[in-house]
Amino acid sequence: MNSVNIAALVLRLAVGGTMIAHGWNHAFGGGKLPGTARWFESIGIRPGRLHALFATVTELGAGAFLLLGLLTPLAAAAVVGTMMVALVANHARNGFFIFRPGEGYEYVLMITLVSCALGALGAGSWSVDHVAGFGVHGWAGLAIAALAGAGGGALLLATSWRPRPAVSPAVSASASATGPTPG
């Protein structure tokens, strides 16, 4: 049983620490929240400011909960939802590999699947969940992580993702050949 506790702790620290780093970067790195909001708007997630704040709070909160092993299947669901939105809105069109131009989806897919596995595995004995007697894991933990996460991500995409239509090279070349449209 100790090996399960070690695995749960390593996964919680890895995913939780990664999510805190993401949330911290949204809030305090580079362009801070306004820069994150502009980036969200650029990939079609609107309103950008609201979703930048929401994503930041979700990543920081889910990360902290995973580090503590607190409500682990729900924290894993928050990660699954966040990564599903990233996969669909930004990474899927770029292919599998992360090193491809635009960054492929392998990274967000792995975080999603590891989070689902963590929901199934549970927080382990070295966690707040264990101390509090919250023992949701197995199929129930997987269902919470996968279904609540995917449902939340799908709801956000359905209500807030409005990507710009892709411009085909032929249309782009035709527009540049004829010059600007009067108006």
Protein backbone atom coordinates (compact mmCIF):
# COMPACT_ATOMS: atom_id res chain seq x y z
CA MET A 1 0.00 0.00 0.00
CA ASN A 2 2.94 2.35 0.54
CA SER A 3 3.65 2.29 -3.20
CA VAL A 4 0.14 3.65 -3.89
CA ASN A 5 0.71 6.45 -1.37
CA ILE A 6 4.04 7.31 -2.99
CA ALA A 7 2.47 7.33 -6.47
CA ALA A 8 -0.45 9.48 -5.31
CA LEU A 9 1.89 11.96 -3.63
CA VAL A 10 4.19 12.21 -6.66
CA LEU A 11 1.25 12.76 -9.02
CA ARG A 12 -0.37 15.30 -6.70
CA LEU A 13 2.88 17.24 -6.36
CA ALA A 14 3.59 17.14 -10.11
CA VAL A 15 0.15 18.17 -11.34
CA GLY A 16 -0.59 20.47 -8.41
CA GLY A 17 2.76 22.25 -8.74
CA THR A 18 2.31 22.59 -12.51
CA MET A 19 -1.15 24.10 -12.11
CA ILE A 20 0.07 26.57 -9.49
CA ALA A 21 2.89 27.58 -11.84
CA HIS A 22 0.34 28.13 -14.65
CA GLY A 23 -1.98 30.16 -12.45
CA TRP A 24 0.92 32.18 -11.02
CA ASN A 25 2.17 32.95 -14.51
CA HIS A 26 -1.30 34.13 -15.58
CA ALA A 27 -1.50 36.46 -12.58
CA PHE A 28 2.07 37.69 -12.18
CA GLY A 29 4.16 36.70 -15.21
CA GLY A 30 4.71 38.55 -18.46
CA GLY A 31 1.57 40.49 -19.25
CA LYS A 32 -0.13 39.55 -15.97
CA LEU A 33 -3.94 39.22 -16.01
CA PRO A 34 -4.45 41.88 -18.72
CA GLY A 35 -2.00 40.03 -20.99
CA THR A 36 -3.70 36.72 -20.27
CA ALA A 37 -7.06 38.35 -21.03
CA ARG A 38 -5.75 39.63 -24.38
CA TRP A 39 -4.40 36.18 -25.22
CA PHE A 40 -7.74 34.54 -24.34
CA GLU A 41 -9.53 37.04 -26.59
CA SER A 42 -7.06 36.26 -29.40
CA ILE A 43 -7.96 32.54 -29.32
CA GLY A 44 -11.67 33.31 -29.15
CA ILE A 45 -12.43 32.90 -25.44
CA ARG A 46 -14.62 35.87 -24.51
CA PRO A 47 -14.85 37.91 -22.41
CA GLY A 48 -11.11 37.58 -21.99
CA ARG A 49 -10.79 39.41 -18.67
CA LEU A 50 -13.43 37.27 -16.96
CA HIS A 51 -11.92 34.03 -18.26
CA ALA A 52 -8.36 35.08 -17.43
CA LEU A 53 -9.43 35.63 -13.83
CA PHE A 54 -11.48 32.43 -13.77
CA ALA A 55 -8.64 30.33 -15.24
CA THR A 56 -6.11 31.84 -12.83
CA VAL A 57 -8.25 31.17 -9.75
CA THR A 58 -9.07 27.66 -10.99
CA GLU A 59 -5.42 26.77 -11.65
CA LEU A 60 -4.18 28.19 -8.34
CA GLY A 61 -7.03 26.61 -6.37
CA ALA A 62 -6.91 23.19 -8.04
CA GLY A 63 -3.13 23.15 -7.69
CA ALA A 64 -3.27 23.96 -3.98
CA PHE A 65 -6.00 21.37 -3.37
CA LEU A 66 -3.95 18.71 -5.19
CA LEU A 67 -0.82 19.55 -3.20
CA LEU A 68 -2.80 19.10 0.01
CA GLY A 69 -4.74 16.09 -1.23
CA LEU A 70 -7.98 17.95 -0.49
CA LEU A 71 -11.14 16.97 -2.39
CA THR A 72 -8.83 15.31 -4.88
CA PRO A 73 -11.38 14.12 -7.47
CA LEU A 74 -12.90 17.63 -7.64
CA ALA A 75 -9.47 19.27 -7.89
CA ALA A 76 -8.61 16.79 -10.65
CA ALA A 77 -11.89 17.69 -12.39
CA ALA A 78 -10.88 21.37 -12.35
CA VAL A 79 -7.60 20.44 -14.03
CA VAL A 80 -9.36 18.25 -16.60
CA GLY A 81 -11.76 21.06 -17.48
CA THR A 82 -8.99 23.63 -17.77
CA MET A 83 -6.86 21.37 -19.94
CA MET A 84 -9.82 20.38 -22.12
CA VAL A 85 -10.44 24.05 -22.91
CA ALA A 86 -6.74 24.54 -23.69
CA LEU A 87 -6.69 21.45 -25.90
CA VAL A 88 -9.73 22.41 -27.95
CA ALA A 89 -9.28 26.18 -28.11
CA ASN A 90 -5.55 26.32 -28.71
CA HIS A 91 -3.63 23.07 -29.16
CA ALA A 92 -5.65 20.48 -31.14
CA ARG A 93 -5.25 22.24 -34.49
CA ASN A 94 -1.45 22.09 -34.15
CA GLY A 95 -1.09 18.31 -34.14
CA PHE A 96 0.12 16.02 -31.37
CA PHE A 97 3.70 17.07 -30.62
CA ILE A 98 4.35 20.03 -28.34
CA PHE A 99 7.38 21.13 -30.39
CA ARG A 100 5.26 21.75 -33.51
CA PRO A 101 4.56 25.37 -34.44
CA GLY A 102 1.73 26.64 -32.25
CA GLU A 103 2.38 23.83 -29.73
CA GLY A 104 0.59 20.52 -30.19
CA TYR A 105 -1.70 18.89 -27.67
CA GLU A 106 0.51 16.16 -26.16
CA TYR A 107 1.26 18.20 -23.01
CA VAL A 108 -2.33 19.14 -22.18
CA LEU A 109 -3.53 15.63 -23.04
CA MET A 110 -1.00 14.09 -20.62
CA ILE A 111 -2.02 16.47 -17.82
CA THR A 112 -5.68 15.61 -18.52
CA LEU A 113 -5.08 11.85 -18.41
CA VAL A 114 -2.86 12.02 -15.33
CA SER A 115 -5.56 14.06 -13.59
CA CYS A 116 -8.17 11.42 -14.48
CA ALA A 117 -5.85 8.74 -13.13
CA LEU A 118 -5.36 10.77 -9.95
CA GLY A 119 -9.13 10.96 -9.51
CA ALA A 120 -9.25 7.16 -9.76
CA LEU A 121 -6.20 6.62 -7.55
CA GLY A 122 -7.31 9.04 -4.86
CA ALA A 123 -5.11 11.24 -2.72
CA GLY A 124 -3.53 8.42 -0.74
CA SER A 125 -2.91 8.21 2.99
CA TRP A 126 -0.63 11.24 3.07
CA SER A 127 -3.40 13.74 2.41
CA VAL A 128 -6.09 15.90 3.95
CA ASP A 129 -8.67 13.65 2.26
CA HIS A 130 -7.38 10.68 4.27
CA VAL A 131 -7.30 12.60 7.56
CA ALA A 132 -10.84 13.88 6.94
CA GLY A 133 -12.14 10.46 5.93
CA PHE A 134 -12.95 11.52 2.36
CA GLY A 135 -12.29 8.31 0.48
CA VAL A 136 -13.71 8.88 -2.99
CA HIS A 137 -11.53 7.04 -5.52
CA GLY A 138 -11.79 4.14 -7.96
CA TRP A 139 -14.52 4.39 -10.58
CA ALA A 140 -16.35 7.11 -8.61
CA GLY A 141 -13.22 9.28 -8.41
CA LEU A 142 -12.50 8.73 -12.10
CA ALA A 143 -16.09 9.61 -13.02
CA ILE A 144 -15.96 12.82 -10.99
CA ALA A 145 -12.60 13.87 -12.46
CA ALA A 146 -13.40 12.94 -16.06
CA LEU A 147 -17.10 13.75 -16.34
CA ALA A 148 -17.27 16.88 -14.19
CA GLY A 149 -14.05 18.16 -15.79
CA ALA A 150 -15.14 17.41 -19.35
CA GLY A 151 -18.62 18.77 -18.63
CA GLY A 152 -17.26 22.01 -17.21
CA GLY A 153 -14.85 22.42 -20.10
CA ALA A 154 -17.56 21.69 -22.67
CA LEU A 155 -19.91 24.18 -21.02
CA LEU A 156 -17.25 26.90 -21.09
CA LEU A 157 -16.45 26.20 -24.74
CA ALA A 158 -20.14 26.16 -25.71
CA THR A 159 -20.90 29.46 -23.99
CA SER A 160 -17.69 31.45 -24.40
CA TRP A 161 -15.50 30.19 -27.24
CA ARG A 162 -16.01 32.08 -30.46
CA PRO A 163 -12.94 31.52 -32.65
CA ARG A 164 -12.42 33.64 -35.71
CA PRO A 165 -13.12 31.75 -38.93
CA ALA A 166 -9.96 30.40 -40.52
CA VAL A 167 -8.91 32.25 -43.66
CA SER A 168 -7.87 29.90 -46.44
CA PRO A 169 -4.62 30.70 -48.30
CA ALA A 170 -6.59 31.15 -51.55
CA VAL A 171 -8.89 33.75 -49.98
CA SER A 172 -5.94 35.51 -48.37
CA ALA A 173 -3.98 35.62 -51.64
CA SER A 174 -7.06 36.83 -53.54
CA ALA A 175 -7.68 39.61 -51.02
CA SER A 176 -4.10 40.82 -51.12
CA ALA A 177 -4.04 40.72 -54.95
CA THR A 178 -7.12 42.88 -55.29
CA GLY A 179 -6.12 45.33 -52.57
CA PRO A 180 -8.26 46.64 -49.76
CA THR A 181 -12.00 46.56 -50.09
CA PRO A 182 -13.52 50.04 -50.40
CA GLY A 183 -15.86 50.99 -47.68
